[in-house]
Amino acid sequence: MHELGTIIYIIDTIEKLAVEEKLTAVGSITLEVGEVSGIIPDYLKDYWLYARKKSELLKETELKILDISAVTFCQNCEKTYSTVKYAKECPYCHSTDTFLITGNEFTIKEIEAM
């Protein structure tokens, strides 16, 4: 349920930026959401539709979400693999000397300003 708080934070951030940059409207906001970030994209979309109505600046703004796959790197065999499918153990050499290289991101990638 932290997605609602996340949406409120995004709205506050965009509204502050809009004042600083003298924006009159925002066409879209693009987020990058990692597969293992703990954020559920469908919840973000649902909360966005509710919360954006409370902002004059954002009431017509589209929310776009780019999914970032979780990828882990094995330091033993130097290969990458799907984190969600194999977790911490490398499917190639069975080492657990691994670390996540992508997939836990949550960033505002782009704001289409008007």
PDB file of N, CA and C in Angstrom:
ATOM      1  N   MET A   1       0.815  -1.198   0.000  1.00  0.00           N
ATOM      2  CA  MET A   1       0.000   0.000   0.000  1.00  0.00           C
ATOM      3  C   MET A   1       0.859   1.262   0.000  1.00  0.00           C
ATOM      4  N   HIS A   2       2.172   1.100   0.018  1.00  0.00           N
ATOM      5  CA  HIS A   2       3.048   2.260  -0.027  1.00  0.00           C
ATOM      6  C   HIS A   2       3.010   2.953  -1.384  1.00  0.00           C
ATOM      7  N   GLU A   3       2.338   2.345  -2.353  1.00  0.00           N
ATOM      8  CA  GLU A   3       2.223   2.961  -3.668  1.00  0.00           C
ATOM      9  C   GLU A   3       1.466   4.287  -3.619  1.00  0.00           C
ATOM     10  N   LEU A   4       0.468   4.397  -2.749  1.00  0.00           N
ATOM     11  CA  LEU A   4      -0.266   5.663  -2.623  1.00  0.00           C
ATOM     12  C   LEU A   4       0.667   6.759  -2.118  1.00  0.00           C
ATOM     13  N   GLY A   5       1.456   6.457  -1.122  1.00  0.00           N
ATOM     14  CA  GLY A   5       2.438   7.426  -0.628  1.00  0.00           C
ATOM     15  C   GLY A   5       3.444   7.804  -1.699  1.00  0.00           C
ATOM     16  N   THR A   6       3.818   6.839  -2.494  1.00  0.00           N
ATOM     17  CA  THR A   6       4.750   7.086  -3.601  1.00  0.00           C
ATOM     18  C   THR A   6       4.134   8.029  -4.622  1.00  0.00           C
ATOM     19  N   ILE A   7       2.880   7.811  -4.960  1.00  0.00           N
ATOM     20  CA  ILE A   7       2.179   8.688  -5.912  1.00  0.00           C
ATOM     21  C   ILE A   7       2.074  10.105  -5.351  1.00  0.00           C
ATOM     22  N   ILE A   8       1.759  10.237  -4.081  1.00  0.00           N
ATOM     23  CA  ILE A   8       1.674  11.566  -3.464  1.00  0.00           C
ATOM     24  C   ILE A   8       3.029  12.265  -3.512  1.00  0.00           C
ATOM     25  N   TYR A   9       4.101  11.518  -3.254  1.00  0.00           N
ATOM     26  CA  TYR A   9       5.453  12.078  -3.335  1.00  0.00           C
ATOM     27  C   TYR A   9       5.754  12.548  -4.770  1.00  0.00           C
ATOM     28  N   ILE A  10       5.387  11.749  -5.765  1.00  0.00           N
ATOM     29  CA  ILE A  10       5.619  12.121  -7.166  1.00  0.00           C
ATOM     30  C   ILE A  10       4.854  13.399  -7.505  1.00  0.00           C
ATOM     31  N   ILE A  11       3.600  13.472  -7.100  1.00  0.00           N
ATOM     32  CA  ILE A  11       2.799  14.667  -7.365  1.00  0.00           C
ATOM     33  C   ILE A  11       3.422  15.895  -6.713  1.00  0.00           C
ATOM     34  N   ASP A  12       3.824  15.782  -5.459  1.00  0.00           N
ATOM     35  CA  ASP A  12       4.471  16.906  -4.770  1.00  0.00           C
ATOM     36  C   ASP A  12       5.743  17.332  -5.496  1.00  0.00           C
ATOM     37  N   THR A  13       6.537  16.362  -5.910  1.00  0.00           N
ATOM     38  CA  THR A  13       7.793  16.655  -6.611  1.00  0.00           C
ATOM     39  C   THR A  13       7.533  17.376  -7.923  1.00  0.00           C
ATOM     40  N   ILE A  14       6.570  16.890  -8.705  1.00  0.00           N
ATOM     41  CA  ILE A  14       6.258  17.501 -10.000  1.00  0.00           C
ATOM     42  C   ILE A  14       5.682  18.900  -9.812  1.00  0.00           C
ATOM     43  N   GLU A  15       4.819  19.076  -8.825  1.00  0.00           N
ATOM     44  CA  GLU A  15       4.240  20.397  -8.594  1.00  0.00           C
ATOM     45  C   GLU A  15       5.307  21.414  -8.183  1.00  0.00           C
ATOM     46  N   LYS A  16       6.263  21.020  -7.365  1.00  0.00           N
ATOM     47  CA  LYS A  16       7.361  21.924  -6.987  1.00  0.00           C
ATOM     48  C   LYS A  16       8.212  22.272  -8.207  1.00  0.00           C
ATOM     49  N   LEU A  17       8.497  21.263  -9.018  1.00  0.00           N
ATOM     50  CA  LEU A  17       9.265  21.490 -10.237  1.00  0.00           C
ATOM     51  C   LEU A  17       8.517  22.421 -11.186  1.00  0.00           C
ATOM     52  N   ALA A  18       7.220  22.257 -11.268  1.00  0.00           N
ATOM     53  CA  ALA A  18       6.396  23.095 -12.148  1.00  0.00           C
ATOM     54  C   ALA A  18       6.470  24.561 -11.734  1.00  0.00           C
ATOM     55  N   VAL A  19       6.479  24.823 -10.446  1.00  0.00           N
ATOM     56  CA  VAL A  19       6.596  26.204  -9.961  1.00  0.00           C
ATOM     57  C   VAL A  19       7.973  26.766 -10.331  1.00  0.00           C
ATOM     58  N   GLU A  20       9.006  25.982 -10.069  1.00  0.00           N
ATOM     59  CA  GLU A  20      10.377  26.432 -10.368  1.00  0.00           C
ATOM     60  C   GLU A  20      10.585  26.710 -11.858  1.00  0.00           C
ATOM     61  N   GLU A  21      10.019  25.854 -12.703  1.00  0.00           N
ATOM     62  CA  GLU A  21      10.230  25.954 -14.152  1.00  0.00           C
ATOM     63  C   GLU A  21       9.107  26.682 -14.876  1.00  0.00           C
ATOM     64  N   LYS A  22       8.117  27.167 -14.118  1.00  0.00           N
ATOM     65  CA  LYS A  22       6.973  27.894 -14.679  1.00  0.00           C
ATOM     66  C   LYS A  22       6.212  27.072 -15.726  1.00  0.00           C
ATOM     67  N   LEU A  23       5.937  25.815 -15.379  1.00  0.00           N
ATOM     68  CA  LEU A  23       5.185  24.939 -16.270  1.00  0.00           C
ATOM     69  C   LEU A  23       3.699  25.214 -16.124  1.00  0.00           C
ATOM     70  N   THR A  24       2.978  25.120 -17.215  1.00  0.00           N
ATOM     71  CA  THR A  24       1.524  25.318 -17.172  1.00  0.00           C
ATOM     72  C   THR A  24       0.757  24.008 -17.239  1.00  0.00           C
ATOM     73  N   ALA A  25       1.406  22.962 -17.744  1.00  0.00           N
ATOM     74  CA  ALA A  25       0.762  21.647 -17.825  1.00  0.00           C
ATOM     75  C   ALA A  25       1.831  20.570 -17.956  1.00  0.00           C
ATOM     76  N   VAL A  26       1.451  19.355 -17.611  1.00  0.00           N
ATOM     77  CA  VAL A  26       2.330  18.202 -17.769  1.00  0.00           C
ATOM     78  C   VAL A  26       1.551  17.161 -18.562  1.00  0.00           C
ATOM     79  N   GLY A  27       2.093  16.778 -19.724  1.00  0.00           N
ATOM     80  CA  GLY A  27       1.418  15.820 -20.584  1.00  0.00           C
ATOM     81  C   GLY A  27       1.519  14.392 -20.082  1.00  0.00           C
ATOM     82  N   SER A  28       2.733  14.019 -19.636  1.00  0.00           N
ATOM     83  CA  SER A  28       2.922  12.673 -19.125  1.00  0.00           C
ATOM     84  C   SER A  28       4.125  12.621 -18.192  1.00  0.00           C
ATOM     85  N   ILE A  29       4.116  11.587 -17.376  1.00  0.00           N
ATOM     86  CA  ILE A  29       5.232  11.300 -16.481  1.00  0.00           C
ATOM     87  C   ILE A  29       5.600   9.840 -16.735  1.00  0.00           C
ATOM     88  N   THR A  30       6.895   9.601 -16.972  1.00  0.00           N
ATOM     89  CA  THR A  30       7.359   8.239 -17.196  1.00  0.00           C
ATOM     90  C   THR A  30       8.200   7.805 -16.006  1.00  0.00           C
ATOM     91  N   LEU A  31       7.818   6.667 -15.429  1.00  0.00           N
ATOM     92  CA  LEU A  31       8.541   6.092 -14.298  1.00  0.00           C
ATOM     93  C   LEU A  31       9.257   4.828 -14.734  1.00  0.00           C
ATOM     94  N   GLU A  32      10.404   4.568 -14.142  1.00  0.00           N
ATOM     95  CA  GLU A  32      11.086   3.288 -14.293  1.00  0.00           C
ATOM     96  C   GLU A  32      10.868   2.526 -12.993  1.00  0.00           C
ATOM     97  N   VAL A  33      10.323   1.319 -13.100  1.00  0.00           N
ATOM     98  CA  VAL A  33      10.021   0.519 -11.915  1.00  0.00           C
ATOM     99  C   VAL A  33      10.694  -0.844 -12.056  1.00  0.00           C
ATOM    100  N   GLY A  34      11.602  -1.129 -11.140  1.00  0.00           N
ATOM    101  CA  GLY A  34      12.310  -2.397 -11.154  1.00  0.00           C
ATOM    102  C   GLY A  34      11.425  -3.557 -10.720  1.00  0.00           C
ATOM    103  N   GLU A  35      11.705  -4.695 -11.295  1.00  0.00           N
ATOM    104  CA  GLU A  35      10.926  -5.906 -11.058  1.00  0.00           C
ATOM    105  C   GLU A  35      10.939  -6.332  -9.588  1.00  0.00           C
ATOM    106  N   VAL A  36      12.024  -6.030  -8.873  1.00  0.00           N
ATOM    107  CA  VAL A  36      12.111  -6.392  -7.457  1.00  0.00           C
ATOM    108  C   VAL A  36      12.205  -5.148  -6.555  1.00  0.00           C
ATOM    109  N   SER A  37      11.637  -4.050  -7.025  1.00  0.00           N
ATOM    110  CA  SER A  37      11.676  -2.792  -6.268  1.00  0.00           C
ATOM    111  C   SER A  37      10.695  -2.778  -5.097  1.00  0.00           C
ATOM    112  N   GLY A  38       9.743  -3.680  -5.118  1.00  0.00           N
ATOM    113  CA  GLY A  38       8.701  -3.677  -4.095  1.00  0.00           C
ATOM    114  C   GLY A  38       7.511  -2.820  -4.466  1.00  0.00           C
ATOM    115  N   ILE A  39       7.560  -2.165  -5.608  1.00  0.00           N
ATOM    116  CA  ILE A  39       6.471  -1.331  -6.099  1.00  0.00           C
ATOM    117  C   ILE A  39       5.636  -2.160  -7.084  1.00  0.00           C
ATOM    118  N   ILE A  40       4.329  -2.116  -6.933  1.00  0.00           N
ATOM    119  CA  ILE A  40       3.432  -2.846  -7.832  1.00  0.00           C
ATOM    120  C   ILE A  40       2.859  -1.858  -8.848  1.00  0.00           C
ATOM    121  N   PRO A  41       3.281  -1.980 -10.118  1.00  0.00           N
ATOM    122  CA  PRO A  41       2.868  -1.018 -11.147  1.00  0.00           C
ATOM    123  C   PRO A  41       1.358  -0.845 -11.285  1.00  0.00           C
ATOM    124  N   ASP A  42       0.590  -1.911 -11.188  1.00  0.00           N
ATOM    125  CA  ASP A  42      -0.867  -1.782 -11.319  1.00  0.00           C
ATOM    126  C   ASP A  42      -1.452  -0.927 -10.204  1.00  0.00           C
ATOM    127  N   TYR A  43      -0.902  -1.034  -9.003  1.00  0.00           N
ATOM    128  CA  TYR A  43      -1.359  -0.190  -7.891  1.00  0.00           C
ATOM    129  C   TYR A  43      -1.013   1.267  -8.148  1.00  0.00           C
ATOM    130  N   LEU A  44       0.198   1.507  -8.686  1.00  0.00           N
ATOM    131  CA  LEU A  44       0.585   2.879  -9.026  1.00  0.00           C
ATOM    132  C   LEU A  44      -0.417   3.493  -9.993  1.00  0.00           C
ATOM    133  N   LYS A  45      -0.769   2.738 -11.024  1.00  0.00           N
ATOM    134  CA  LYS A  45      -1.699   3.243 -12.039  1.00  0.00           C
ATOM    135  C   LYS A  45      -3.065   3.560 -11.433  1.00  0.00           C
ATOM    136  N   ASP A  46      -3.556   2.656 -10.577  1.00  0.00           N
ATOM    137  CA  ASP A  46      -4.858   2.882  -9.940  1.00  0.00           C
ATOM    138  C   ASP A  46      -4.832   4.114  -9.039  1.00  0.00           C
ATOM    139  N   TYR A  47      -3.804   4.237  -8.205  1.00  0.00           N
ATOM    140  CA  TYR A  47      -3.704   5.388  -7.303  1.00  0.00           C
ATOM    141  C   TYR A  47      -3.493   6.685  -8.077  1.00  0.00           C
ATOM    142  N   TRP A  48      -2.766   6.600  -9.206  1.00  0.00           N
ATOM    143  CA  TRP A  48      -2.545   7.787 -10.030  1.00  0.00           C
ATOM    144  C   TRP A  48      -3.872   8.360 -10.522  1.00  0.00           C
ATOM    145  N   LEU A  49      -4.747   7.490 -11.006  1.00  0.00           N
ATOM    146  CA  LEU A  49      -6.038   7.946 -11.527  1.00  0.00           C
ATOM    147  C   LEU A  49      -6.848   8.669 -10.456  1.00  0.00           C
ATOM    148  N   TYR A  50      -6.719   8.236  -9.224  1.00  0.00           N
ATOM    149  CA  TYR A  50      -7.412   8.880  -8.102  1.00  0.00           C
ATOM    150  C   TYR A  50      -6.711  10.184  -7.693  1.00  0.00           C
ATOM    151  N   ALA A  51      -5.413  10.120  -7.467  1.00  0.00           N
ATOM    152  CA  ALA A  51      -4.686  11.250  -6.874  1.00  0.00           C
ATOM    153  C   ALA A  51      -4.493  12.423  -7.831  1.00  0.00           C
ATOM    154  N   ARG A  52      -4.350  12.165  -9.111  1.00  0.00           N
ATOM    155  CA  ARG A  52      -4.095  13.264 -10.056  1.00  0.00           C
ATOM    156  C   ARG A  52      -5.268  14.236 -10.143  1.00  0.00           C
ATOM    157  N   LYS A  53      -6.466  13.778  -9.815  1.00  0.00           N
ATOM    158  CA  LYS A  53      -7.647  14.640  -9.869  1.00  0.00           C
ATOM    159  C   LYS A  53      -7.576  15.779  -8.863  1.00  0.00           C
ATOM    160  N   LYS A  54      -6.758  15.615  -7.849  1.00  0.00           N
ATOM    161  CA  LYS A  54      -6.631  16.632  -6.802  1.00  0.00           C
ATOM    162  C   LYS A  54      -5.628  17.726  -7.169  1.00  0.00           C
ATOM    163  N   SER A  55      -4.966  17.561  -8.305  1.00  0.00           N
ATOM    164  CA  SER A  55      -3.969  18.530  -8.745  1.00  0.00           C
ATOM    165  C   SER A  55      -4.422  19.175 -10.050  1.00  0.00           C
ATOM    166  N   GLU A  56      -4.596  20.470 -10.032  1.00  0.00           N
ATOM    167  CA  GLU A  56      -5.002  21.190 -11.247  1.00  0.00           C
ATOM    168  C   GLU A  56      -3.971  20.992 -12.362  1.00  0.00           C
ATOM    169  N   LEU A  57      -2.715  20.987 -12.010  1.00  0.00           N
ATOM    170  CA  LEU A  57      -1.632  20.829 -12.976  1.00  0.00           C
ATOM    171  C   LEU A  57      -1.620  19.431 -13.617  1.00  0.00           C
ATOM    172  N   LEU A  58      -1.966  18.406 -12.848  1.00  0.00           N
ATOM    173  CA  LEU A  58      -1.779  17.027 -13.293  1.00  0.00           C
ATOM    174  C   LEU A  58      -3.065  16.269 -13.609  1.00  0.00           C
ATOM    175  N   LYS A  59      -4.204  16.923 -13.554  1.00  0.00           N
ATOM    176  CA  LYS A  59      -5.475  16.194 -13.666  1.00  0.00           C
ATOM    177  C   LYS A  59      -5.654  15.467 -14.987  1.00  0.00           C
ATOM    178  N   GLU A  60      -4.946  15.868 -16.040  1.00  0.00           N
ATOM    179  CA  GLU A  60      -5.024  15.197 -17.346  1.00  0.00           C
ATOM    180  C   GLU A  60      -3.721  14.477 -17.705  1.00  0.00           C
ATOM    181  N   THR A  61      -2.790  14.409 -16.792  1.00  0.00           N
ATOM    182  CA  THR A  61      -1.472  13.841 -17.053  1.00  0.00           C
ATOM    183  C   THR A  61      -1.518  12.316 -17.102  1.00  0.00           C
ATOM    184  N   GLU A  62      -0.877  11.763 -18.106  1.00  0.00           N
ATOM    185  CA  GLU A  62      -0.792  10.308 -18.261  1.00  0.00           C
ATOM    186  C   GLU A  62       0.425   9.781 -17.493  1.00  0.00           C
ATOM    187  N   LEU A  63       0.255   8.661 -16.826  1.00  0.00           N
ATOM    188  CA  LEU A  63       1.350   7.994 -16.136  1.00  0.00           C
ATOM    189  C   LEU A  63       1.810   6.823 -16.990  1.00  0.00           C
ATOM    190  N   LYS A  64       3.088   6.831 -17.339  1.00  0.00           N
ATOM    191  CA  LYS A  64       3.671   5.737 -18.125  1.00  0.00           C
ATOM    192  C   LYS A  64       4.675   5.009 -17.236  1.00  0.00           C
ATOM    193  N   ILE A  65       4.685   3.697 -17.326  1.00  0.00           N
ATOM    194  CA  ILE A  65       5.589   2.906 -16.498  1.00  0.00           C
ATOM    195  C   ILE A  65       6.430   1.993 -17.379  1.00  0.00           C
ATOM    196  N   LEU A  66       7.745   2.098 -17.201  1.00  0.00           N
ATOM    197  CA  LEU A  66       8.680   1.213 -17.889  1.00  0.00           C
ATOM    198  C   LEU A  66       9.165   0.176 -16.876  1.00  0.00           C
ATOM    199  N   ASP A  67       8.950  -1.077 -17.187  1.00  0.00           N
ATOM    200  CA  ASP A  67       9.389  -2.149 -16.300  1.00  0.00           C
ATOM    201  C   ASP A  67      10.868  -2.437 -16.541  1.00  0.00           C
ATOM    202  N   ILE A  68      11.614  -2.549 -15.442  1.00  0.00           N
ATOM    203  CA  ILE A  68      13.034  -2.873 -15.517  1.00  0.00           C
ATOM    204  C   ILE A  68      13.216  -4.283 -14.950  1.00  0.00           C
ATOM    205  N   SER A  69      13.704  -5.195 -15.783  1.00  0.00           N
ATOM    206  CA  SER A  69      13.901  -6.576 -15.356  1.00  0.00           C
ATOM    207  C   SER A  69      14.993  -6.674 -14.294  1.00  0.00           C
ATOM    208  N   ALA A  70      14.811  -7.604 -13.377  1.00  0.00           N
ATOM    209  CA  ALA A  70      15.813  -7.861 -12.343  1.00  0.00           C
ATOM    210  C   ALA A  70      16.864  -8.808 -12.912  1.00  0.00           C
ATOM    211  N   VAL A  71      18.113  -8.358 -12.892  1.00  0.00           N
ATOM    212  CA  VAL A  71      19.229  -9.143 -13.419  1.00  0.00           C
ATOM    213  C   VAL A  71      20.314  -9.210 -12.356  1.00  0.00           C
ATOM    214  N   THR A  72      20.830 -10.411 -12.150  1.00  0.00           N
ATOM    215  CA  THR A  72      21.885 -10.635 -11.166  1.00  0.00           C
ATOM    216  C   THR A  72      23.167 -11.040 -11.888  1.00  0.00           C
ATOM    217  N   PHE A  73      24.299 -10.614 -11.320  1.00  0.00           N
ATOM    218  CA  PHE A  73      25.622 -10.929 -11.858  1.00  0.00           C
ATOM    219  C   PHE A  73      26.315 -11.911 -10.924  1.00  0.00           C
ATOM    220  N   CYS A  74      26.889 -12.963 -11.505  1.00  0.00           N
ATOM    221  CA  CYS A  74      27.649 -13.942 -10.726  1.00  0.00           C
ATOM    222  C   CYS A  74      29.130 -13.574 -10.791  1.00  0.00           C
ATOM    223  N   GLN A  75      29.733 -13.351  -9.634  1.00  0.00           N
ATOM    224  CA  GLN A  75      31.152 -12.992  -9.603  1.00  0.00           C
ATOM    225  C   GLN A  75      32.051 -14.202  -9.865  1.00  0.00           C
ATOM    226  N   ASN A  76      31.515 -15.376  -9.701  1.00  0.00           N
ATOM    227  CA  ASN A  76      32.308 -16.583  -9.903  1.00  0.00           C
ATOM    228  C   ASN A  76      32.493 -16.882 -11.399  1.00  0.00           C
ATOM    229  N   CYS A  77      31.390 -16.982 -12.150  1.00  0.00           N
ATOM    230  CA  CYS A  77      31.485 -17.313 -13.583  1.00  0.00           C
ATOM    231  C   CYS A  77      31.310 -16.094 -14.494  1.00  0.00           C
ATOM    232  N   GLU A  78      31.007 -14.942 -13.889  1.00  0.00           N
ATOM    233  CA  GLU A  78      30.869 -13.667 -14.601  1.00  0.00           C
ATOM    234  C   GLU A  78      29.737 -13.663 -15.638  1.00  0.00           C
ATOM    235  N   LYS A  79      28.668 -14.388 -15.333  1.00  0.00           N
ATOM    236  CA  LYS A  79      27.487 -14.385 -16.197  1.00  0.00           C
ATOM    237  C   LYS A  79      26.344 -13.676 -15.481  1.00  0.00           C
ATOM    238  N   THR A  80      25.367 -13.230 -16.262  1.00  0.00           N
ATOM    239  CA  THR A  80      24.163 -12.627 -15.696  1.00  0.00           C
ATOM    240  C   THR A  80      22.989 -13.573 -15.896  1.00  0.00           C
ATOM    241  N   TYR A  81      21.975 -13.381 -15.052  1.00  0.00           N
ATOM    242  CA  TYR A  81      20.790 -14.235 -15.135  1.00  0.00           C
ATOM    243  C   TYR A  81      19.597 -13.526 -14.500  1.00  0.00           C
ATOM    244  N   SER A  82      18.412 -14.103 -14.742  1.00  0.00           N
ATOM    245  CA  SER A  82      17.170 -13.544 -14.206  1.00  0.00           C
ATOM    246  C   SER A  82      17.094 -13.758 -12.699  1.00  0.00           C
ATOM    247  N   THR A  83      17.017 -12.670 -11.974  1.00  0.00           N
ATOM    248  CA  THR A  83      16.956 -12.735 -10.519  1.00  0.00           C
ATOM    249  C   THR A  83      15.676 -13.399 -10.040  1.00  0.00           C
ATOM    250  N   VAL A  84      14.561 -13.046 -10.642  1.00  0.00           N
ATOM    251  CA  VAL A  84      13.272 -13.571 -10.195  1.00  0.00           C
ATOM    252  C   VAL A  84      13.214 -15.089 -10.374  1.00  0.00           C
ATOM    253  N   LYS A  85      13.756 -15.573 -11.469  1.00  0.00           N
ATOM    254  CA  LYS A  85      13.695 -17.004 -11.749  1.00  0.00           C
ATOM    255  C   LYS A  85      14.657 -17.815 -10.880  1.00  0.00           C
ATOM    256  N   TYR A  86      15.850 -17.290 -10.632  1.00  0.00           N
ATOM    257  CA  TYR A  86      16.878 -18.084  -9.958  1.00  0.00           C
ATOM    258  C   TYR A  86      17.313 -17.564  -8.592  1.00  0.00           C
ATOM    259  N   ALA A  87      16.866 -16.399  -8.207  1.00  0.00           N
ATOM    260  CA  ALA A  87      17.209 -15.790  -6.908  1.00  0.00           C
ATOM    261  C   ALA A  87      18.719 -15.576  -6.795  1.00  0.00           C
ATOM    262  N   LYS A  88      19.288 -15.881  -5.649  1.00  0.00           N
ATOM    263  CA  LYS A  88      20.693 -15.568  -5.385  1.00  0.00           C
ATOM    264  C   LYS A  88      21.670 -16.603  -5.951  1.00  0.00           C
ATOM    265  N   GLU A  89      21.208 -17.813  -6.200  1.00  0.00           N
ATOM    266  CA  GLU A  89      22.116 -18.864  -6.687  1.00  0.00           C
ATOM    267  C   GLU A  89      22.210 -18.864  -8.205  1.00  0.00           C
ATOM    268  N   CYS A  90      23.434 -18.758  -8.714  1.00  0.00           N
ATOM    269  CA  CYS A  90      23.688 -18.732 -10.151  1.00  0.00           C
ATOM    270  C   CYS A  90      23.248 -20.053 -10.790  1.00  0.00           C
ATOM    271  N   PRO A  91      22.453 -20.000 -11.857  1.00  0.00           N
ATOM    272  CA  PRO A  91      22.012 -21.238 -12.512  1.00  0.00           C
ATOM    273  C   PRO A  91      23.119 -21.922 -13.330  1.00  0.00           C
ATOM    274  N   TYR A  92      24.217 -21.217 -13.573  1.00  0.00           N
ATOM    275  CA  TYR A  92      25.300 -21.763 -14.383  1.00  0.00           C
ATOM    276  C   TYR A  92      26.334 -22.517 -13.549  1.00  0.00           C
ATOM    277  N   CYS A  93      26.778 -21.882 -12.447  1.00  0.00           N
ATOM    278  CA  CYS A  93      27.839 -22.505 -11.644  1.00  0.00           C
ATOM    279  C   CYS A  93      27.406 -22.796 -10.204  1.00  0.00           C
ATOM    280  N   HIS A  94      26.194 -22.398  -9.849  1.00  0.00           N
ATOM    281  CA  HIS A  94      25.589 -22.622  -8.527  1.00  0.00           C
ATOM    282  C   HIS A  94      26.278 -21.852  -7.390  1.00  0.00           C
ATOM    283  N   SER A  95      27.020 -20.846  -7.736  1.00  0.00           N
ATOM    284  CA  SER A  95      27.638 -19.982  -6.730  1.00  0.00           C
ATOM    285  C   SER A  95      26.580 -19.046  -6.141  1.00  0.00           C
ATOM    286  N   THR A  96      26.791 -18.633  -4.926  1.00  0.00           N
ATOM    287  CA  THR A  96      25.937 -17.606  -4.320  1.00  0.00           C
ATOM    288  C   THR A  96      26.706 -16.286  -4.174  1.00  0.00           C
ATOM    289  N   ASP A  97      27.861 -16.215  -4.803  1.00  0.00           N
ATOM    290  CA  ASP A  97      28.663 -14.992  -4.809  1.00  0.00           C
ATOM    291  C   ASP A  97      28.144 -14.103  -5.938  1.00  0.00           C
ATOM    292  N   THR A  98      26.935 -13.564  -5.732  1.00  0.00           N
ATOM    293  CA  THR A  98      26.216 -12.834  -6.764  1.00  0.00           C
ATOM    294  C   THR A  98      25.716 -11.499  -6.220  1.00  0.00           C
ATOM    295  N   PHE A  99      25.363 -10.605  -7.134  1.00  0.00           N
ATOM    296  CA  PHE A  99      24.734  -9.349  -6.717  1.00  0.00           C
ATOM    297  C   PHE A  99      23.806  -8.830  -7.804  1.00  0.00           C
ATOM    298  N   LEU A 100      22.800  -8.109  -7.363  1.00  0.00           N
ATOM    299  CA  LEU A 100      21.795  -7.533  -8.246  1.00  0.00           C
ATOM    300  C   LEU A 100      22.393  -6.349  -9.000  1.00  0.00           C
ATOM    301  N   ILE A 101      22.231  -6.346 -10.342  1.00  0.00           N
ATOM    302  CA  ILE A 101      22.751  -5.206 -11.112  1.00  0.00           C
ATOM    303  C   ILE A 101      21.633  -4.307 -11.640  1.00  0.00           C
ATOM    304  N   THR A 102      20.450  -4.850 -11.876  1.00  0.00           N
ATOM    305  CA  THR A 102      19.287  -4.030 -12.231  1.00  0.00           C
ATOM    306  C   THR A 102      18.037  -4.686 -11.660  1.00  0.00           C
ATOM    307  N   GLY A 103      17.018  -3.862 -11.491  1.00  0.00           N
ATOM    308  CA  GLY A 103      15.739  -4.409 -11.077  1.00  0.00           C
ATOM    309  C   GLY A 103      15.173  -3.851  -9.797  1.00  0.00           C
ATOM    310  N   ASN A 104      15.955  -3.074  -9.049  1.00  0.00           N
ATOM    311  CA  ASN A 104      15.400  -2.476  -7.828  1.00  0.00           C
ATOM    312  C   ASN A 104      15.197  -0.971  -7.970  1.00  0.00           C
ATOM    313  N   GLU A 105      15.249  -0.475  -9.205  1.00  0.00           N
ATOM    314  CA  GLU A 105      15.107   0.952  -9.461  1.00  0.00           C
ATOM    315  C   GLU A 105      13.665   1.434  -9.270  1.00  0.00           C
ATOM    316  N   PHE A 106      13.572   2.678  -8.912  1.00  0.00           N
ATOM    317  CA  PHE A 106      12.306   3.399  -8.966  1.00  0.00           C
ATOM    318  C   PHE A 106      12.675   4.856  -9.191  1.00  0.00           C
ATOM    319  N   THR A 107      12.502   5.312 -10.418  1.00  0.00           N
ATOM    320  CA  THR A 107      12.905   6.678 -10.757  1.00  0.00           C
ATOM    321  C   THR A 107      11.882   7.354 -11.658  1.00  0.00           C
ATOM    322  N   ILE A 108      11.857   8.668 -11.552  1.00  0.00           N
ATOM    323  CA  ILE A 108      11.104   9.471 -12.523  1.00  0.00           C
ATOM    324  C   ILE A 108      12.060   9.657 -13.691  1.00  0.00           C
ATOM    325  N   LYS A 109      11.768   8.993 -14.782  1.00  0.00           N
ATOM    326  CA  LYS A 109      12.660   9.027 -15.945  1.00  0.00           C
ATOM    327  C   LYS A 109      12.432  10.259 -16.808  1.00  0.00           C
ATOM    328  N   GLU A 110      11.148  10.628 -16.986  1.00  0.00           N
ATOM    329  CA  GLU A 110      10.846  11.703 -17.940  1.00  0.00           C
ATOM    330  C   GLU A 110       9.566  12.418 -17.554  1.00  0.00           C
ATOM    331  N   ILE A 111       9.572  13.705 -17.777  1.00  0.00           N
ATOM    332  CA  ILE A 111       8.385  14.536 -17.570  1.00  0.00           C
ATOM    333  C   ILE A 111       8.144  15.294 -18.873  1.00  0.00           C
ATOM    334  N   GLU A 112       6.997  15.068 -19.466  1.00  0.00           N
ATOM    335  CA  GLU A 112       6.636  15.790 -20.675  1.00  0.00           C
ATOM    336  C   GLU A 112       5.947  17.084 -20.239  1.00  0.00           C
ATOM    337  N   ALA A 113       6.704  18.153 -20.286  1.00  0.00           N
ATOM    338  CA  ALA A 113       6.216  19.447 -19.802  1.00  0.00           C
ATOM    339  C   ALA A 113       5.669  20.275 -20.947  1.00  0.00           C
ATOM    340  N   MET A 114       4.719  21.144 -20.591  1.00  0.00           N
ATOM    341  CA  MET A 114       4.121  22.043 -21.581  1.00  0.00           C
ATOM    342  C   MET A 114       4.191  23.463 -21.066  1.00  0.00           C
TER     343      MET A 114
END
